[in-house]
Amino acid sequence: MGTLLLTDPGFARATEVGEREFVVRRLHEWTLLRSIAVNARWKPRDVLAASDWFQRTAELAGHLEGHDLFAPPPTTG
């Protein structure tokens, strides 16, 4: 399911497109999915604000397993 694309270093270059709303949103979601897949930084609020397509795709791929999206951020000190 696109795992090779998600982890490919050239992925960032493929996300350079014009200002078409749907394309920009979908590429943002693919980038978020990639961040989750490769354990890069991402924000739970971005997942919660993402489209239904993204949430289903991430859940079916198992990328959200073990993440509590509603937990408060950890505090330091």
Protein backbone atom coordinates (compact mmCIF):
# COMPACT_ATOMS: atom_id res chain seq x y z
CA MET A 1 0.00 0.00 0.00
CA GLY A 2 2.46 2.66 -1.03
CA THR A 3 4.87 1.96 1.83
CA LEU A 4 7.86 2.27 -0.49
CA LEU A 5 6.67 5.69 -1.64
CA LEU A 6 6.13 6.82 1.95
CA THR A 7 9.67 5.95 3.00
CA ASP A 8 11.47 7.03 -0.20
CA PRO A 9 13.82 10.00 0.37
CA GLY A 10 12.60 11.56 -2.88
CA PHE A 11 9.07 11.82 -1.50
CA ALA A 12 9.45 15.50 -0.61
CA ARG A 13 10.26 16.44 -4.21
CA ALA A 14 7.09 14.74 -5.40
CA THR A 15 4.98 17.02 -3.20
CA GLU A 16 5.92 20.23 -5.02
CA VAL A 17 2.78 21.33 -6.90
CA GLY A 18 0.70 24.42 -7.49
CA GLU A 19 -2.05 25.83 -5.31
CA ARG A 20 -4.88 23.45 -6.15
CA GLU A 21 -6.85 22.99 -2.95
CA PHE A 22 -7.61 19.28 -3.23
CA VAL A 23 -4.11 18.38 -4.40
CA VAL A 24 -2.48 20.50 -1.70
CA ARG A 25 -4.67 18.97 1.02
CA ARG A 26 -4.10 15.41 -0.19
CA LEU A 27 -0.34 15.92 -0.46
CA HIS A 28 -0.33 17.37 3.06
CA GLU A 29 -2.15 14.24 4.22
CA TRP A 30 0.29 11.93 2.40
CA THR A 31 3.15 13.85 4.02
CA LEU A 32 1.48 13.42 7.42
CA LEU A 33 1.00 9.71 6.72
CA ARG A 34 4.67 9.44 5.79
CA SER A 35 5.70 11.23 8.99
CA ILE A 36 3.75 8.72 11.02
CA ALA A 37 5.11 5.77 8.99
CA VAL A 38 8.77 6.76 9.46
CA ASN A 39 8.38 7.94 13.06
CA ALA A 40 9.05 11.58 12.22
CA ARG A 41 7.44 14.44 14.14
CA TRP A 42 3.71 14.94 13.67
CA LYS A 43 0.85 16.49 15.64
CA PRO A 44 -2.27 14.60 16.73
CA ARG A 45 -4.36 17.69 15.91
CA ASP A 46 -3.30 17.34 12.25
CA VAL A 47 -4.66 13.78 12.23
CA LEU A 48 -7.92 14.90 13.84
CA ALA A 49 -8.30 17.72 11.30
CA ALA A 50 -7.48 15.47 8.34
CA SER A 51 -10.06 14.11 5.93
CA ASP A 52 -12.03 10.95 6.41
CA TRP A 53 -9.93 9.40 3.61
CA PHE A 54 -6.76 10.05 5.57
CA GLN A 55 -8.10 8.69 8.84
CA ARG A 56 -9.36 5.49 7.18
CA THR A 57 -6.10 5.05 5.25
CA ALA A 58 -3.92 5.57 8.33
CA GLU A 59 -6.08 3.25 10.43
CA LEU A 60 -6.19 0.48 7.80
CA ALA A 61 -2.42 0.67 7.36
CA GLY A 62 -1.99 0.35 11.14
CA HIS A 63 -0.10 3.63 11.43
CA LEU A 64 -2.30 5.00 14.21
CA GLU A 65 -2.19 1.89 16.35
CA GLY A 66 -0.97 2.71 19.84
CA HIS A 67 -1.37 6.48 19.45
CA ASP A 68 -3.84 8.19 21.78
CA LEU A 69 -4.88 11.16 19.66
CA PHE A 70 -6.98 12.63 22.47
CA ALA A 71 -4.30 12.52 25.18
CA PRO A 72 -2.96 15.86 26.35
CA PRO A 73 0.58 16.65 25.23
CA PRO A 74 3.28 15.56 27.67
CA THR A 75 4.52 18.17 30.11
CA THR A 76 8.09 18.74 31.12
CA GLY A 77 9.30 19.50 34.56
